[in-house]
Amino acid sequence: MEGQEWSQVHEYFKDAARTLAEIRPGTKPARRELLLSQSLSAMKVTVGFSNSYGSKMLRMLRPDLCGVLDSRVRGRVEYEDRPEAFARYSDQLSQVAIAVAAEGIMQPFLNRSDWSVADVESVIYARLKGW
């Protein structure tokens, strides 16, 4: 990529971060799913990232909200390769994170009981990889 292209990618990341920043505790599920879907759609359309790669970038921006929906996960849990599926998957990961935290289940290796979406997604990914 040329310098100007990287500058544009930076702007798209800032836009995605601003969209994701609209998601706060208490955001209604339908609104949260819409914002997650819009963020991934923007990454795909404006930057040219696949849904899989875009979800990885969004996970880096907001690990508390975004999981990675790549082909390995999609093949096992039957999600479509669409931004709406990414939003539903991330929302389901969030529900699991809330549930395991409420149970006081400790995170492996981190010795704490607060869980993020990325933490739950990492456990699922490790399980799928057979670790």
Foldseek 3Di string as FASTA:
>chain_A
DDPVLVVQLVVLLVVLLVLQVVDDPPDDLVSQLVSQLVSLVSCCVVNVDFSQVSLVSVCVSPVQQFAGDDPLNCVPPVFDRHSSSRSVLSVVLNVVQVVQLVVFPAQPPPRGSRDGSHSSNVVVVCVSVVD
